Amino acid sequence: MPAADSTPKTHRICFVLHVRPERLEEYKARHREVWPDMLDALRDTGWHNYSLFLRDDGLLVGYFESPDPDAAVSGMQHREVNARWQAQMAPYFTALDGKNPDEGFLRLEEVFHLD
């Protein structure tokens, strides 16, 4: 009988948001200087290989990997540094319907993957 694989599964999460076109340069500048305690909180709550991609019209595509994406998102919602960051980031986005950016992103379905 083969040994059970004890390696935790890594989930790949992709999401989209929309940055206000008139605030693109400010948004990029803010992400060149993400607070060290925010970066630590992301790592500590299970966000890995996290990237953001921004198109000129404001389409923002995010990607991260986590063994438990729901726990990673939930874990950040309990961090004080995240509350401060999200409050400062919210004005950069459209169509959040009163949610913080980390609550208002639309997850995309993965339809193909090649290792």
C-alpha atoms as a PDB file:
ATOM      1  CA  MET A   1       0.000   0.000   0.000  1.00  0.00           C
ATOM      2  CA  PRO A   2       1.514   3.388  -0.962  1.00  0.00           C
ATOM      3  CA  ALA A   3       2.341   5.806   1.834  1.00  0.00           C
ATOM      4  CA  ALA A   4      -0.129   8.636   2.299  1.00  0.00           C
ATOM      5  CA  ASP A   5       1.108  11.971   1.038  1.00  0.00           C
ATOM      6  CA  SER A   6       1.471  14.211   4.089  1.00  0.00           C
ATOM      7  CA  THR A   7       2.256  17.305   2.022  1.00  0.00           C
ATOM      8  CA  PRO A   8      -0.538  19.848   2.499  1.00  0.00           C
ATOM      9  CA  LYS A   9      -2.341  20.770  -0.705  1.00  0.00           C
ATOM     10  CA  THR A  10      -1.610  24.261  -1.934  1.00  0.00           C
ATOM     11  CA  HIS A  11      -4.603  26.113  -3.340  1.00  0.00           C
ATOM     12  CA  ARG A  12      -4.099  28.748  -6.017  1.00  0.00           C
ATOM     13  CA  ILE A  13      -6.441  31.726  -5.689  1.00  0.00           C
ATOM     14  CA  CYS A  14      -6.948  34.366  -8.362  1.00  0.00           C
ATOM     15  CA  PHE A  15      -9.202  37.369  -7.878  1.00  0.00           C
ATOM     16  CA  VAL A  16     -10.111  40.670  -9.499  1.00  0.00           C
ATOM     17  CA  LEU A  17     -10.857  44.162  -8.264  1.00  0.00           C
ATOM     18  CA  HIS A  18     -11.098  47.511 -10.045  1.00  0.00           C
ATOM     19  CA  VAL A  19      -8.820  50.418  -9.125  1.00  0.00           C
ATOM     20  CA  ARG A  20     -10.109  53.889  -9.935  1.00  0.00           C
ATOM     21  CA  PRO A  21      -8.245  54.893 -13.119  1.00  0.00           C
ATOM     22  CA  GLU A  22      -7.406  58.338 -11.725  1.00  0.00           C
ATOM     23  CA  ARG A  23      -5.668  56.702  -8.736  1.00  0.00           C
ATOM     24  CA  LEU A  24      -3.506  54.120 -10.512  1.00  0.00           C
ATOM     25  CA  GLU A  25      -0.170  55.833  -9.898  1.00  0.00           C
ATOM     26  CA  GLU A  26      -0.938  56.402  -6.210  1.00  0.00           C
ATOM     27  CA  TYR A  27      -2.016  52.776  -5.855  1.00  0.00           C
ATOM     28  CA  LYS A  28       1.221  51.529  -7.410  1.00  0.00           C
ATOM     29  CA  ALA A  29       3.266  53.848  -5.191  1.00  0.00           C
ATOM     30  CA  ARG A  30       1.530  52.546  -2.054  1.00  0.00           C
ATOM     31  CA  HIS A  31       2.411  48.989  -3.018  1.00  0.00           C
ATOM     32  CA  ARG A  32       6.086  49.840  -3.460  1.00  0.00           C
ATOM     33  CA  GLU A  33       6.127  50.534   0.290  1.00  0.00           C
ATOM     34  CA  VAL A  34       3.841  47.976   1.939  1.00  0.00           C
ATOM     35  CA  TRP A  35       4.271  48.124   5.707  1.00  0.00           C
ATOM     36  CA  PRO A  36       6.577  45.406   7.079  1.00  0.00           C
ATOM     37  CA  ASP A  37       3.972  44.414   9.702  1.00  0.00           C
ATOM     38  CA  MET A  38       1.391  43.984   6.925  1.00  0.00           C
ATOM     39  CA  LEU A  39       3.774  41.703   5.024  1.00  0.00           C
ATOM     40  CA  ASP A  40       4.408  39.718   8.217  1.00  0.00           C
ATOM     41  CA  ALA A  41       0.667  39.370   8.848  1.00  0.00           C
ATOM     42  CA  LEU A  42       0.088  38.058   5.321  1.00  0.00           C
ATOM     43  CA  ARG A  43       2.838  35.468   5.720  1.00  0.00           C
ATOM     44  CA  ASP A  44       1.705  34.492   9.218  1.00  0.00           C
ATOM     45  CA  THR A  45      -1.894  33.899   8.101  1.00  0.00           C
ATOM     46  CA  GLY A  46      -0.952  31.686   5.160  1.00  0.00           C
ATOM     47  CA  TRP A  47      -0.646  33.974   2.124  1.00  0.00           C
ATOM     48  CA  HIS A  48       2.233  32.783  -0.075  1.00  0.00           C
ATOM     49  CA  ASN A  49       3.467  33.635  -3.566  1.00  0.00           C
ATOM     50  CA  TYR A  50       1.160  36.676  -3.525  1.00  0.00           C
ATOM     51  CA  SER A  51       1.193  38.958  -6.582  1.00  0.00           C
ATOM     52  CA  LEU A  52      -0.902  41.815  -7.938  1.00  0.00           C
ATOM     53  CA  PHE A  53      -1.135  42.743 -11.619  1.00  0.00           C
ATOM     54  CA  LEU A  54      -2.654  46.039 -12.768  1.00  0.00           C
ATOM     55  CA  ARG A  55      -3.965  47.006 -16.177  1.00  0.00           C
ATOM     56  CA  ASP A  56      -4.114  50.627 -17.409  1.00  0.00           C
ATOM     57  CA  ASP A  57      -7.924  50.682 -17.172  1.00  0.00           C
ATOM     58  CA  GLY A  58      -7.787  49.763 -13.471  1.00  0.00           C
ATOM     59  CA  LEU A  59      -8.400  46.031 -13.687  1.00  0.00           C
ATOM     60  CA  LEU A  60      -6.442  44.495 -10.813  1.00  0.00           C
ATOM     61  CA  VAL A  61      -5.731  40.775 -10.835  1.00  0.00           C
ATOM     62  CA  GLY A  62      -4.456  39.211  -7.634  1.00  0.00           C
ATOM     63  CA  TYR A  63      -2.966  35.773  -7.121  1.00  0.00           C
ATOM     64  CA  PHE A  64      -1.860  33.931  -4.009  1.00  0.00           C
ATOM     65  CA  GLU A  65      -1.271  30.411  -2.809  1.00  0.00           C
ATOM     66  CA  SER A  66      -2.319  28.977   0.535  1.00  0.00           C
ATOM     67  CA  PRO A  67      -2.940  25.597   2.147  1.00  0.00           C
ATOM     68  CA  ASP A  68      -6.263  27.053   3.410  1.00  0.00           C
ATOM     69  CA  PRO A  69      -7.340  30.188   1.509  1.00  0.00           C
ATOM     70  CA  ASP A  70     -10.482  30.753   3.574  1.00  0.00           C
ATOM     71  CA  ALA A  71      -8.449  30.639   6.789  1.00  0.00           C
ATOM     72  CA  ALA A  72      -5.855  32.967   5.220  1.00  0.00           C
ATOM     73  CA  VAL A  73      -8.508  35.568   4.347  1.00  0.00           C
ATOM     74  CA  SER A  74     -10.265  35.158   7.694  1.00  0.00           C
ATOM     75  CA  GLY A  75      -6.981  35.380   9.569  1.00  0.00           C
ATOM     76  CA  MET A  76      -6.206  38.731   7.991  1.00  0.00           C
ATOM     77  CA  GLN A  77      -9.632  40.070   8.936  1.00  0.00           C
ATOM     78  CA  HIS A  78      -8.635  39.643  12.590  1.00  0.00           C
ATOM     79  CA  ARG A  79      -5.379  41.602  12.269  1.00  0.00           C
ATOM     80  CA  GLU A  80      -5.335  45.246  13.338  1.00  0.00           C
ATOM     81  CA  VAL A  81      -2.712  46.106  10.717  1.00  0.00           C
ATOM     82  CA  ASN A  82      -5.024  44.765   8.019  1.00  0.00           C
ATOM     83  CA  ALA A  83      -7.924  46.906   9.264  1.00  0.00           C
ATOM     84  CA  ARG A  84      -5.702  49.989   8.923  1.00  0.00           C
ATOM     85  CA  TRP A  85      -4.409  48.935   5.487  1.00  0.00           C
ATOM     86  CA  GLN A  86      -7.868  48.116   4.120  1.00  0.00           C
ATOM     87  CA  ALA A  87      -9.288  51.427   5.375  1.00  0.00           C
ATOM     88  CA  GLN A  88      -6.529  53.282   3.535  1.00  0.00           C
ATOM     89  CA  MET A  89      -6.903  51.183   0.367  1.00  0.00           C
ATOM     90  CA  ALA A  90     -10.719  51.296   0.084  1.00  0.00           C
ATOM     91  CA  PRO A  91     -10.856  54.729  -1.634  1.00  0.00           C
ATOM     92  CA  TYR A  92      -8.710  53.383  -4.480  1.00  0.00           C
ATOM     93  CA  PHE A  93     -11.356  50.868  -5.574  1.00  0.00           C
ATOM     94  CA  THR A  94     -14.697  50.960  -7.367  1.00  0.00           C
ATOM     95  CA  ALA A  95     -17.717  48.711  -6.794  1.00  0.00           C
ATOM     96  CA  LEU A  96     -16.946  47.507  -3.278  1.00  0.00           C
ATOM     97  CA  ASP A  97     -20.542  48.020  -2.097  1.00  0.00           C
ATOM     98  CA  GLY A  98     -19.397  49.075   1.367  1.00  0.00           C
ATOM     99  CA  LYS A  99     -16.980  46.174   1.794  1.00  0.00           C
ATOM    100  CA  ASN A 100     -13.253  46.349   2.420  1.00  0.00           C
ATOM    101  CA  PRO A 101     -11.110  45.449  -0.606  1.00  0.00           C
ATOM    102  CA  ASP A 102     -10.162  42.097   0.931  1.00  0.00           C
ATOM    103  CA  GLU A 103     -13.869  41.262   1.317  1.00  0.00           C
ATOM    104  CA  GLY A 104     -14.995  42.623  -2.040  1.00  0.00           C
ATOM    105  CA  PHE A 105     -12.737  40.811  -4.455  1.00  0.00           C
ATOM    106  CA  LEU A 106     -14.248  38.394  -6.935  1.00  0.00           C
ATOM    107  CA  ARG A 107     -12.554  34.994  -6.990  1.00  0.00           C
ATOM    108  CA  LEU A 108     -11.987  33.444 -10.388  1.00  0.00           C
ATOM    109  CA  GLU A 109     -12.399  29.774 -11.181  1.00  0.00           C
ATOM    110  CA  GLU A 110      -9.225  27.961 -12.167  1.00  0.00           C
ATOM    111  CA  VAL A 111      -9.899  26.143 -15.428  1.00  0.00           C
ATOM    112  CA  PHE A 112      -6.364  25.046 -16.321  1.00  0.00           C
ATOM    113  CA  HIS A 113      -3.018  24.581 -14.617  1.00  0.00           C
ATOM    114  CA  LEU A 114       0.348  23.292 -15.823  1.00  0.00           C
ATOM    115  CA  ASP A 115       3.170  22.592 -13.374  1.00  0.00           C
END
